C-alpha cells in the first residue's frame, strides 16, 4: 500500500507504522482513506498453536485501536 501510494513507512512499531501510513496517504493524496477489513482474529488465534499466541493478539488489538480512532472522522 505504501509503495503504490509512494509513501515511505515510518515509525518504531507496526501499529505506529500503520497509523502513519494511513495519515501520510491521506495527506499526500489530499483525500480520504477507506479501510475495508473483517475481523478474523478469533478464527486466526483459534488455530495458532504457537506459544506467542498472546503476542499476536496484542498486535491485532493495537491495529484495531488505530482503526477505531479513525472512526471518529467518518
N, C-alpha and C. Protein backbone atom coordinates (compact mmCIF):
# COMPACT_ATOMS: atom_id res chain seq x y z
N UNK A 1 0.83 -1.18 0.00
CA UNK A 1 0.00 0.00 0.00
C UNK A 1 0.88 1.25 0.00
N UNK A 2 1.96 1.23 0.78
CA UNK A 2 2.83 2.39 0.83
C UNK A 2 3.58 2.62 -0.47
N UNK A 3 4.11 1.53 -1.06
CA UNK A 3 4.84 1.66 -2.32
C UNK A 3 3.94 2.16 -3.43
N UNK A 4 2.74 1.60 -3.49
CA UNK A 4 1.81 2.00 -4.54
C UNK A 4 1.44 3.48 -4.41
N UNK A 5 1.36 3.97 -3.19
CA UNK A 5 1.00 5.37 -2.96
C UNK A 5 2.22 6.27 -2.88
N UNK A 6 3.39 5.70 -3.04
CA UNK A 6 4.66 6.43 -2.98
C UNK A 6 4.83 7.12 -1.63
N UNK A 7 4.52 6.38 -0.57
CA UNK A 7 4.67 6.86 0.80
C UNK A 7 5.62 5.91 1.51
N UNK A 8 6.58 6.48 2.22
CA UNK A 8 7.56 5.67 2.94
C UNK A 8 7.06 5.35 4.34
N UNK A 9 7.26 4.09 4.77
CA UNK A 9 6.88 3.70 6.12
C UNK A 9 7.77 4.40 7.12
N UNK A 10 7.16 4.88 8.18
CA UNK A 10 7.94 5.47 9.26
C UNK A 10 7.25 5.14 10.57
N UNK A 11 8.04 4.94 11.58
CA UNK A 11 7.52 4.59 12.90
C UNK A 11 8.36 3.50 13.52
N UNK A 12 8.21 3.36 14.81
CA UNK A 12 9.04 2.40 15.56
C UNK A 12 8.43 1.02 15.67
N UNK A 13 7.12 0.91 15.54
CA UNK A 13 6.47 -0.40 15.68
C UNK A 13 5.39 -0.52 14.61
N UNK A 14 4.85 -1.72 14.47
CA UNK A 14 3.86 -1.97 13.41
C UNK A 14 2.62 -1.09 13.54
N UNK A 15 2.01 -0.98 14.72
CA UNK A 15 0.83 -0.12 14.82
C UNK A 15 1.14 1.34 14.48
N UNK A 16 2.28 1.82 14.93
CA UNK A 16 2.68 3.19 14.61
C UNK A 16 2.90 3.38 13.12
N UNK A 17 3.54 2.40 12.49
CA UNK A 17 3.77 2.46 11.04
C UNK A 17 2.44 2.45 10.30
N UNK A 18 1.51 1.64 10.77
CA UNK A 18 0.19 1.54 10.14
C UNK A 18 -0.55 2.88 10.23
N UNK A 19 -0.54 3.47 11.43
CA UNK A 19 -1.22 4.75 11.62
C UNK A 19 -0.58 5.84 10.77
N UNK A 20 0.75 5.89 10.76
CA UNK A 20 1.45 6.88 9.94
C UNK A 20 1.18 6.68 8.46
N UNK A 21 1.13 5.43 8.03
CA UNK A 21 0.89 5.13 6.63
C UNK A 21 -0.47 5.67 6.18
N UNK A 22 -1.50 5.41 6.96
CA UNK A 22 -2.84 5.88 6.61
C UNK A 22 -2.87 7.41 6.59
N UNK A 23 -2.31 8.03 7.62
CA UNK A 23 -2.28 9.50 7.68
C UNK A 23 -1.49 10.08 6.51
N UNK A 24 -0.34 9.50 6.21
CA UNK A 24 0.51 10.02 5.14
C UNK A 24 -0.15 9.88 3.77
N UNK A 25 -0.83 8.77 3.54
CA UNK A 25 -1.54 8.59 2.26
C UNK A 25 -2.64 9.64 2.14
N UNK A 26 -3.40 9.83 3.20
CA UNK A 26 -4.48 10.82 3.16
C UNK A 26 -3.94 12.22 2.91
N UNK A 27 -2.84 12.56 3.57
CA UNK A 27 -2.27 13.90 3.42
C UNK A 27 -1.59 14.09 2.06
N UNK A 28 -0.87 13.07 1.59
CA UNK A 28 -0.16 13.17 0.31
C UNK A 28 -1.13 13.26 -0.85
N UNK A 29 -2.17 12.46 -0.80
CA UNK A 29 -3.14 12.41 -1.90
C UNK A 29 -4.28 13.42 -1.71
N UNK A 30 -4.29 14.08 -0.54
CA UNK A 30 -5.34 15.05 -0.22
C UNK A 30 -6.73 14.44 -0.41
N UNK A 31 -6.90 13.27 0.18
CA UNK A 31 -8.15 12.55 0.04
C UNK A 31 -8.41 11.73 1.30
N UNK A 32 -9.57 11.14 1.37
CA UNK A 32 -9.89 10.24 2.47
C UNK A 32 -9.36 8.85 2.15
N UNK A 33 -9.06 8.10 3.19
CA UNK A 33 -8.62 6.72 3.04
C UNK A 33 -9.74 5.84 3.59
N UNK A 34 -10.10 4.82 2.83
CA UNK A 34 -11.13 3.88 3.25
C UNK A 34 -10.47 2.54 3.53
N UNK A 35 -10.73 1.99 4.70
CA UNK A 35 -10.20 0.69 5.08
C UNK A 35 -11.33 -0.32 5.07
N UNK A 36 -11.14 -1.39 4.37
CA UNK A 36 -12.11 -2.48 4.36
C UNK A 36 -11.45 -3.70 4.98
N UNK A 37 -12.03 -4.21 6.03
CA UNK A 37 -11.47 -5.38 6.68
C UNK A 37 -12.57 -6.13 7.40
N UNK A 38 -12.26 -7.34 7.76
CA UNK A 38 -13.18 -8.16 8.52
C UNK A 38 -12.40 -8.74 9.69
N UNK A 39 -13.01 -8.82 10.81
CA UNK A 39 -12.33 -9.34 11.99
C UNK A 39 -12.31 -10.88 11.96
N UNK A 40 -11.16 -11.40 11.65
CA UNK A 40 -10.97 -12.84 11.68
C UNK A 40 -10.06 -13.25 12.83
N UNK A 41 -9.85 -12.36 13.78
CA UNK A 41 -8.89 -12.64 14.83
C UNK A 41 -9.24 -13.89 15.63
N UNK A 42 -10.52 -14.14 15.89
CA UNK A 42 -10.88 -15.34 16.65
C UNK A 42 -10.56 -16.59 15.86
N UNK A 43 -10.83 -16.57 14.56
CA UNK A 43 -10.51 -17.73 13.73
C UNK A 43 -9.01 -17.94 13.63
N UNK A 44 -8.29 -16.85 13.44
CA UNK A 44 -6.84 -16.95 13.31
C UNK A 44 -6.23 -17.43 14.63
N UNK A 45 -6.58 -16.75 15.72
CA UNK A 45 -5.98 -17.10 17.00
C UNK A 45 -6.40 -18.48 17.49
N UNK A 46 -7.58 -18.90 17.11
CA UNK A 46 -8.04 -20.23 17.49
C UNK A 46 -7.24 -21.34 16.84
N UNK A 47 -6.56 -21.02 15.76
CA UNK A 47 -5.76 -22.02 15.04
C UNK A 47 -4.26 -21.83 15.23
N UNK A 48 -3.86 -20.88 16.01
CA UNK A 48 -2.44 -20.68 16.30
C UNK A 48 -2.08 -21.51 17.52
N UNK A 49 -1.18 -22.44 17.32
CA UNK A 49 -0.76 -23.30 18.41
C UNK A 49 0.56 -22.83 19.00
N UNK A 50 1.09 -21.78 18.45
CA UNK A 50 2.38 -21.22 18.87
C UNK A 50 2.27 -20.62 20.26
N UNK A 51 3.34 -20.65 21.01
CA UNK A 51 3.34 -20.08 22.36
C UNK A 51 3.22 -18.56 22.33
N UNK A 52 3.39 -17.94 21.16
CA UNK A 52 3.30 -16.48 21.04
C UNK A 52 1.88 -16.02 20.72
N UNK A 53 0.91 -16.83 20.95
CA UNK A 53 -0.48 -16.50 20.64
C UNK A 53 -0.90 -15.17 21.29
N UNK A 54 -0.52 -14.97 22.53
CA UNK A 54 -0.85 -13.73 23.23
C UNK A 54 -0.22 -12.52 22.57
N UNK A 55 1.00 -12.69 22.08
CA UNK A 55 1.69 -11.61 21.37
C UNK A 55 0.93 -11.23 20.10
N UNK A 56 0.46 -12.24 19.36
CA UNK A 56 -0.31 -11.99 18.14
C UNK A 56 -1.59 -11.24 18.46
N UNK A 57 -2.25 -11.63 19.55
CA UNK A 57 -3.49 -10.97 19.95
C UNK A 57 -3.23 -9.50 20.28
N UNK A 58 -2.15 -9.21 20.98
CA UNK A 58 -1.83 -7.83 21.32
C UNK A 58 -1.56 -6.99 20.07
N UNK A 59 -0.92 -7.57 19.06
CA UNK A 59 -0.66 -6.86 17.80
C UNK A 59 -1.98 -6.55 17.11
N UNK A 60 -2.87 -7.54 17.03
CA UNK A 60 -4.18 -7.31 16.41
C UNK A 60 -4.96 -6.23 17.15
N UNK A 61 -4.94 -6.26 18.47
CA UNK A 61 -5.64 -5.26 19.26
C UNK A 61 -5.11 -3.86 18.99
N UNK A 62 -3.80 -3.74 18.83
CA UNK A 62 -3.22 -2.42 18.58
C UNK A 62 -3.64 -1.89 17.20
N UNK A 63 -3.77 -2.78 16.21
CA UNK A 63 -4.26 -2.35 14.90
C UNK A 63 -5.71 -1.91 14.99
N UNK A 64 -6.53 -2.67 15.71
CA UNK A 64 -7.94 -2.31 15.86
C UNK A 64 -8.08 -0.98 16.60
N UNK A 65 -7.21 -0.73 17.57
CA UNK A 65 -7.24 0.53 18.30
C UNK A 65 -7.00 1.70 17.36
N UNK A 66 -6.01 1.56 16.46
CA UNK A 66 -5.72 2.61 15.48
C UNK A 66 -6.94 2.86 14.59
N UNK A 67 -7.56 1.79 14.15
CA UNK A 67 -8.72 1.91 13.26
C UNK A 67 -9.89 2.57 13.98
N UNK A 68 -10.13 2.20 15.23
CA UNK A 68 -11.23 2.79 15.97
C UNK A 68 -11.05 4.29 16.16
N UNK A 69 -9.81 4.76 16.30
CA UNK A 69 -9.58 6.19 16.42
C UNK A 69 -10.05 6.91 15.15
N UNK A 70 -9.88 6.30 13.99
CA UNK A 70 -10.27 6.94 12.73
C UNK A 70 -11.77 6.93 12.53
N UNK A 71 -12.48 6.04 13.19
CA UNK A 71 -13.93 6.00 13.04
C UNK A 71 -14.56 7.32 13.48
N UNK A 72 -13.87 8.06 14.32
CA UNK A 72 -14.40 9.35 14.79
C UNK A 72 -14.49 10.37 13.66
N UNK A 73 -13.71 10.16 12.60
CA UNK A 73 -13.65 11.13 11.49
C UNK A 73 -14.62 10.80 10.37
N UNK A 74 -15.45 9.78 10.55
CA UNK A 74 -16.39 9.39 9.50
C UNK A 74 -17.38 10.47 9.23
